[in-house]
């Protein structure tokens, strides 16, 4: 026990000095499990997040929009790959992470359980959802676990492009006809509150936040990040000429921040528990992809084994 206590003290000292923890370094088991939970949840969110947008690739209003959306969905697949690879350095397999997702043990971002009903929703996702993701993820480029921090550098660069892409879609709609602007307003109405929920529960309801901040897994709390998102996004909505659906939203000169209304946390927890509009649909789609891709995985393993055997034979000769 004394040895463990000493190792924990040395570990925290490294964290406090701003050193990066690498896969072969000693780490507390809770640190390892916390990172597995967070990184796998992030990876699952990237993969599941392809579904509501992929639904609009064939229905995008122009070839330019199709190509742009296709590139974005492809980026998200790459993000999932980086993140699964980072999580694997902590001693968990990709198969195990996938089964945790499909069985409901692992979660993904609640925002992806809402449907995309119009083309404007694709703009709202880029502007709001990717905008929220950037605020949450930029700090992760300085997280204490090396593989995760390095993966986030490229992911944040691409997410920044996705956010601008979404905002440009919303701007084009808002400069268009009255019907197009109404479509943009409707998308904002439906995605605003779920976007605020993306940052997770209130700090007092988040049991992992304090320890994550101490270990520099997170650099800011859920509520701090949520406030930053509102402060950045409210002026953008004003520029677009559409209204954030919150009658309590107003600038507070004394605080130097926007005040905003109460979030419906009951809705948040219902979605997290699997009772959102598209929870079952999303998991069913990922389950089908896993089952239908089984033959590809088996073929790849067989080919790798054959190549390894050929190398062994060549070396023996």
Protein backbone atom coordinates (compact mmCIF):
# COMPACT_ATOMS: atom_id res chain seq x y z
CA UNK A 1 0.00 0.00 0.00
CA UNK A 2 2.84 2.39 0.80
CA UNK A 3 4.36 1.72 -2.61
CA UNK A 4 1.04 2.47 -4.34
CA UNK A 5 0.67 5.66 -2.32
CA UNK A 6 4.18 6.73 -3.37
CA UNK A 7 3.45 5.97 -7.05
CA UNK A 8 0.23 7.97 -6.90
CA UNK A 9 2.06 10.93 -5.40
CA UNK A 10 4.73 10.78 -8.10
CA UNK A 11 2.05 10.46 -10.77
CA UNK A 12 0.18 13.54 -9.50
CA UNK A 13 3.46 15.46 -9.30
CA UNK A 14 4.06 14.76 -13.00
CA UNK A 15 0.52 15.90 -13.81
CA UNK A 16 0.97 19.09 -11.79
CA UNK A 17 4.19 19.86 -13.70
CA UNK A 18 2.31 19.53 -16.98
CA UNK A 19 4.06 16.36 -18.13
CA UNK A 20 2.36 14.00 -20.55
CA UNK A 21 1.51 10.46 -19.47
CA UNK A 22 2.43 7.86 -22.09
CA UNK A 23 1.06 4.29 -22.54
CA UNK A 24 3.98 2.51 -20.83
CA UNK A 25 4.06 4.87 -17.86
CA UNK A 26 2.61 3.82 -14.52
CA UNK A 27 -0.87 5.24 -13.96
CA UNK A 28 -3.64 4.71 -11.39
CA UNK A 29 -6.26 2.20 -12.53
CA UNK A 30 -8.97 4.83 -12.18
CA UNK A 31 -7.03 7.15 -14.49
CA UNK A 32 -6.81 4.39 -17.08
CA UNK A 33 -10.52 3.53 -16.81
CA UNK A 34 -11.57 7.18 -16.89
CA UNK A 35 -9.63 7.71 -20.10
CA UNK A 36 -11.03 4.53 -21.66
CA UNK A 37 -14.55 5.73 -20.86
CA UNK A 38 -13.96 9.23 -22.18
CA UNK A 39 -11.98 8.36 -25.32
CA UNK A 40 -14.26 5.48 -26.33
CA UNK A 41 -17.33 7.65 -25.78
CA UNK A 42 -15.73 10.29 -27.99
CA UNK A 43 -14.92 7.70 -30.66
CA UNK A 44 -18.45 6.27 -30.55
CA UNK A 45 -19.84 9.81 -30.94
CA UNK A 46 -17.81 10.37 -34.10
CA UNK A 47 -19.01 7.11 -35.66
CA UNK A 48 -22.66 7.42 -34.62
CA UNK A 49 -22.52 11.08 -35.63
CA UNK A 50 -22.01 10.02 -39.23
CA UNK A 51 -25.57 8.64 -39.35
CA UNK A 52 -27.74 11.79 -39.14
CA UNK A 53 -25.53 13.60 -41.67
CA UNK A 54 -24.96 10.64 -43.99
CA UNK A 55 -28.73 10.56 -44.32
CA UNK A 56 -28.53 13.81 -46.31
CA UNK A 57 -25.62 13.12 -48.69
CA UNK A 58 -27.87 12.02 -51.57
CA UNK A 59 -30.40 14.79 -50.85
CA UNK A 60 -28.04 17.75 -50.54
CA UNK A 61 -29.25 20.64 -52.75
CA UNK A 62 -26.21 20.83 -55.06
CA UNK A 63 -23.15 18.89 -56.13
CA UNK A 64 -20.98 21.29 -54.11
CA UNK A 65 -23.02 20.56 -50.99
CA UNK A 66 -22.90 16.81 -51.62
CA UNK A 67 -19.12 16.82 -51.95
CA UNK A 68 -18.69 18.98 -48.87
CA UNK A 69 -20.96 16.82 -46.73
CA UNK A 70 -19.36 13.63 -48.00
CA UNK A 71 -15.92 14.95 -47.06
CA UNK A 72 -17.18 15.90 -43.60
CA UNK A 73 -18.66 12.45 -42.94
CA UNK A 74 -15.39 10.90 -44.12
CA UNK A 75 -13.49 13.13 -41.67
CA UNK A 76 -15.68 11.87 -38.83
CA UNK A 77 -14.87 8.28 -39.70
CA UNK A 78 -11.19 9.20 -39.50
CA UNK A 79 -11.71 10.86 -36.12
CA UNK A 80 -13.27 7.66 -34.82
CA UNK A 81 -10.25 5.71 -36.07
CA UNK A 82 -7.75 8.03 -34.34
CA UNK A 83 -9.68 7.82 -31.09
CA UNK A 84 -10.18 4.06 -31.07
CA UNK A 85 -6.45 3.72 -31.70
CA UNK A 86 -5.68 6.06 -28.78
CA UNK A 87 -7.98 4.07 -26.48
CA UNK A 88 -6.33 0.79 -27.52
CA UNK A 89 -3.04 2.04 -26.02
CA UNK A 90 -4.78 1.75 -22.63
CA UNK A 91 -5.26 -2.00 -22.98
CA UNK A 92 -8.77 -2.30 -24.40
CA UNK A 93 -9.55 -3.81 -27.81
CA UNK A 94 -11.67 -2.18 -30.49
CA UNK A 95 -13.98 -5.22 -30.47
CA UNK A 96 -14.59 -4.77 -26.76
CA UNK A 97 -15.32 -1.06 -27.17
CA UNK A 98 -17.75 -1.83 -29.99
CA UNK A 99 -19.61 -4.40 -27.91
CA UNK A 100 -19.86 -1.90 -25.05
CA UNK A 101 -21.54 0.51 -27.47
CA UNK A 102 -23.93 -2.04 -28.96
CA UNK A 103 -24.97 -3.40 -25.55
CA UNK A 104 -25.54 0.05 -24.07
CA UNK A 105 -22.68 -0.12 -21.56
CA UNK A 106 -20.84 2.70 -23.33
CA UNK A 107 -22.50 5.97 -24.28
CA UNK A 108 -22.09 8.49 -27.08
CA UNK A 109 -23.06 12.17 -27.32
CA UNK A 110 -26.77 12.68 -26.66
CA UNK A 111 -27.06 15.14 -29.58
CA UNK A 112 -26.90 12.35 -32.16
CA UNK A 113 -30.18 10.89 -30.94
CA UNK A 114 -32.10 13.74 -32.57
CA UNK A 115 -33.32 13.45 -36.19
CA UNK A 116 -32.23 15.61 -39.12
CA UNK A 117 -35.54 16.68 -40.65
CA UNK A 118 -34.37 19.28 -43.16
CA UNK A 119 -31.26 20.43 -45.01
CA UNK A 120 -30.99 23.30 -42.52
CA UNK A 121 -30.37 20.72 -39.80
CA UNK A 122 -27.06 19.90 -41.49
CA UNK A 123 -26.12 23.56 -41.20
CA UNK A 124 -27.24 23.66 -37.56
CA UNK A 125 -25.20 20.55 -36.74
CA UNK A 126 -22.09 22.06 -38.28
CA UNK A 127 -22.59 25.44 -36.63
CA UNK A 128 -23.86 24.37 -33.20
CA UNK A 129 -22.81 20.75 -32.66
CA UNK A 130 -19.34 21.04 -34.17
CA UNK A 131 -19.02 24.46 -32.58
CA UNK A 132 -19.74 22.94 -29.17
CA UNK A 133 -17.35 20.09 -29.96
CA UNK A 134 -14.52 22.52 -30.73
CA UNK A 135 -14.99 24.34 -27.41
CA UNK A 136 -14.97 21.03 -25.58
CA UNK A 137 -12.10 19.53 -27.56
CA UNK A 138 -9.56 22.35 -27.91
CA UNK A 139 -8.70 21.90 -24.25
CA UNK A 140 -8.15 18.20 -24.95
CA UNK A 141 -5.13 19.04 -27.10
CA UNK A 142 -3.52 19.76 -23.71
CA UNK A 143 -4.98 16.78 -21.86
CA UNK A 144 -2.55 14.81 -19.73
CA UNK A 145 -2.63 11.56 -21.74
CA UNK A 146 -0.27 11.82 -24.71
CA UNK A 147 -1.99 9.69 -27.38
CA UNK A 148 -5.32 11.42 -26.77
CA UNK A 149 -3.81 14.91 -26.84
CA UNK A 150 -1.96 14.23 -30.10
CA UNK A 151 -5.05 12.79 -31.79
CA UNK A 152 -7.01 15.89 -30.82
CA UNK A 153 -4.68 18.28 -32.66
CA UNK A 154 -5.76 17.09 -36.09
CA UNK A 155 -9.36 16.47 -35.03
CA UNK A 156 -9.76 20.06 -33.82
CA UNK A 157 -8.39 21.47 -37.07
CA UNK A 158 -10.94 19.48 -39.05
CA UNK A 159 -13.78 20.25 -36.64
CA UNK A 160 -13.04 23.94 -37.08
CA UNK A 161 -13.56 23.54 -40.82
CA UNK A 162 -16.82 21.64 -40.18
CA UNK A 163 -18.10 24.46 -37.97
CA UNK A 164 -17.40 27.06 -40.65
CA UNK A 165 -19.05 24.83 -43.25
CA UNK A 166 -22.21 24.59 -41.14
CA UNK A 167 -22.31 28.31 -40.43
CA UNK A 168 -21.95 29.05 -44.13
CA UNK A 169 -24.95 26.80 -44.86
CA UNK A 170 -26.99 28.69 -42.26
CA UNK A 171 -25.82 32.06 -43.62
CA UNK A 172 -26.81 31.08 -47.17
CA UNK A 173 -30.27 30.03 -45.99
CA UNK A 174 -30.74 33.21 -43.94
CA UNK A 175 -29.86 35.34 -46.97
CA UNK A 176 -32.28 33.37 -49.15
CA UNK A 177 -36.05 33.34 -49.33
CA UNK A 178 -38.37 33.71 -46.35
CA UNK A 179 -39.03 29.97 -46.50
CA UNK A 180 -35.29 29.23 -46.39
CA UNK A 181 -34.75 31.57 -43.44
CA UNK A 182 -37.71 29.96 -41.65
CA UNK A 183 -36.06 26.57 -42.23
CA UNK A 184 -32.87 27.86 -40.59
CA UNK A 185 -34.86 29.22 -37.65
CA UNK A 186 -36.66 25.90 -37.22
CA UNK A 187 -33.34 24.02 -37.16
CA UNK A 188 -31.98 26.42 -34.52
CA UNK A 189 -35.13 25.97 -32.46
CA UNK A 190 -34.72 22.19 -32.39
CA UNK A 191 -30.94 21.94 -31.96
CA UNK A 192 -30.22 24.78 -29.52
CA UNK A 193 -31.07 23.08 -26.24
CA UNK A 194 -29.66 19.65 -27.20
CA UNK A 195 -26.42 21.48 -28.13
CA UNK A 196 -26.20 22.95 -24.62
CA UNK A 197 -26.74 19.46 -23.22
CA UNK A 198 -23.70 18.21 -25.18
CA UNK A 199 -21.37 19.52 -22.48
CA UNK A 200 -22.77 17.01 -20.03
CA UNK A 201 -24.65 17.40 -16.74
CA UNK A 202 -24.32 20.33 -14.37
CA UNK A 203 -21.10 20.31 -12.39
CA UNK A 204 -22.91 19.36 -9.19
CA UNK A 205 -24.41 16.34 -10.99
CA UNK A 206 -21.16 15.22 -12.63
CA UNK A 207 -19.30 12.81 -10.31
CA UNK A 208 -16.20 12.59 -12.52
CA UNK A 209 -15.51 16.28 -13.16
CA UNK A 210 -13.45 17.11 -10.04
CA UNK A 211 -11.08 14.17 -10.45
CA UNK A 212 -10.79 14.73 -14.21
CA UNK A 213 -9.77 18.35 -13.61
CA UNK A 214 -7.24 17.31 -10.96
CA UNK A 215 -5.66 14.83 -13.39
CA UNK A 216 -5.88 17.42 -16.20
CA UNK A 217 -7.98 15.05 -18.26
CA UNK A 218 -10.27 18.06 -18.51
CA UNK A 219 -9.07 21.64 -18.17
CA UNK A 220 -12.49 23.23 -17.58
CA UNK A 221 -15.77 22.05 -16.09
CA UNK A 222 -18.98 21.28 -17.99
CA UNK A 223 -20.65 24.52 -16.89
CA UNK A 224 -17.62 26.65 -17.77
CA UNK A 225 -17.52 25.20 -21.27
CA UNK A 226 -21.28 25.59 -21.70
CA UNK A 227 -21.05 29.28 -20.75
CA UNK A 228 -18.26 29.82 -23.26
CA UNK A 229 -20.37 28.22 -26.00
CA UNK A 230 -23.32 30.53 -25.28
CA UNK A 231 -21.06 33.59 -25.20
CA UNK A 232 -19.59 32.74 -28.61
CA UNK A 233 -22.78 31.56 -30.33
CA UNK A 234 -25.30 34.23 -29.30
CA UNK A 235 -23.64 37.03 -31.37
CA UNK A 236 -23.38 34.66 -34.34
CA UNK A 237 -27.14 34.08 -34.23
CA UNK A 238 -27.67 37.86 -34.16
CA UNK A 239 -25.55 38.21 -37.29
CA UNK A 240 -27.57 35.51 -39.03
CA UNK A 241 -30.77 37.33 -38.10
CA UNK A 242 -32.38 34.38 -36.37
CA UNK A 243 -33.45 34.07 -32.76
CA UNK A 244 -32.12 31.67 -30.15
CA UNK A 245 -35.20 30.02 -28.56
CA UNK A 246 -34.50 31.23 -25.04
CA UNK A 247 -36.48 34.22 -23.69
CA UNK A 248 -34.05 34.45 -20.75
CA UNK A 249 -30.98 34.93 -22.96
CA UNK A 250 -29.44 38.36 -22.37
CA UNK A 251 -26.04 39.94 -21.91
CA UNK A 252 -25.05 40.46 -18.29
CA UNK A 253 -22.70 43.43 -18.15
CA UNK A 254 -21.72 42.77 -14.55
CA UNK A 255 -20.74 39.14 -15.17
CA UNK A 256 -19.32 39.77 -18.63
CA UNK A 257 -21.29 36.77 -19.91
CA UNK A 258 -24.68 35.93 -21.33
CA UNK A 259 -27.35 34.76 -18.91
CA UNK A 260 -29.46 31.93 -20.28
CA UNK A 261 -32.48 29.85 -19.29
CA UNK A 262 -32.77 26.53 -17.51
CA UNK A 263 -31.95 23.37 -19.42
CA UNK A 264 -34.48 20.54 -19.35
CA UNK A 265 -32.28 18.02 -17.57
CA UNK A 266 -35.07 15.47 -17.47
CA UNK A 267 -34.94 15.35 -21.28
CA UNK A 268 -31.14 14.99 -21.16
CA UNK A 269 -31.23 12.02 -18.78
CA UNK A 270 -34.02 10.36 -20.74
CA UNK A 271 -31.93 10.55 -23.92
CA UNK A 272 -28.81 9.30 -22.10
CA UNK A 273 -30.83 6.35 -20.78
CA UNK A 274 -31.82 5.37 -24.31
CA UNK A 275 -35.24 6.99 -24.60
CA UNK A 276 -34.43 9.72 -27.12
CA UNK A 277 -36.11 10.13 -30.52
CA UNK A 278 -33.47 8.07 -32.40
CA UNK A 279 -31.60 6.03 -29.77
CA UNK A 280 -32.90 2.66 -30.94
CA UNK A 281 -32.45 3.60 -34.60
CA UNK A 282 -28.81 4.60 -34.09
CA UNK A 283 -27.86 1.43 -32.20
CA UNK A 284 -29.73 -0.72 -34.72
CA UNK A 285 -27.75 0.90 -37.56
CA UNK A 286 -24.43 0.30 -35.80
CA UNK A 287 -25.40 -3.29 -34.97
CA UNK A 288 -26.26 -3.98 -38.61
CA UNK A 289 -22.94 -2.47 -39.73
CA UNK A 290 -21.06 -4.66 -37.23
CA UNK A 291 -22.82 -7.84 -38.33
CA UNK A 292 -22.61 -7.11 -42.06
CA UNK A 293 -18.91 -6.25 -41.77
CA UNK A 294 -18.02 -9.51 -40.05
CA UNK A 295 -16.85 -11.18 -43.26
CA UNK A 296 -14.55 -8.24 -44.03
CA UNK A 297 -12.88 -8.48 -40.61
CA UNK A 298 -12.49 -12.25 -40.96
CA UNK A 299 -11.02 -11.90 -44.45
CA UNK A 300 -8.55 -9.26 -43.27
CA UNK A 301 -7.40 -11.46 -40.37
CA UNK A 302 -7.03 -14.47 -42.67
CA UNK A 303 -5.00 -12.43 -45.15
CA UNK A 304 -2.76 -11.08 -42.38
CA UNK A 305 -2.18 -14.60 -41.06
CA UNK A 306 -1.33 -15.82 -44.56
CA UNK A 307 1.15 -12.99 -45.07
CA UNK A 308 2.80 -13.70 -41.71
CA UNK A 309 3.10 -17.38 -42.58
CA UNK A 310 4.70 -16.53 -45.91
CA UNK A 311 7.26 -14.35 -44.13
CA UNK A 312 8.07 -17.17 -41.71
CA UNK A 313 8.57 -19.63 -44.56
CA UNK A 314 10.81 -17.18 -46.40
CA UNK A 315 12.92 -16.59 -43.29
CA UNK A 316 13.23 -20.34 -42.67
CA UNK A 317 14.54 -20.88 -46.18
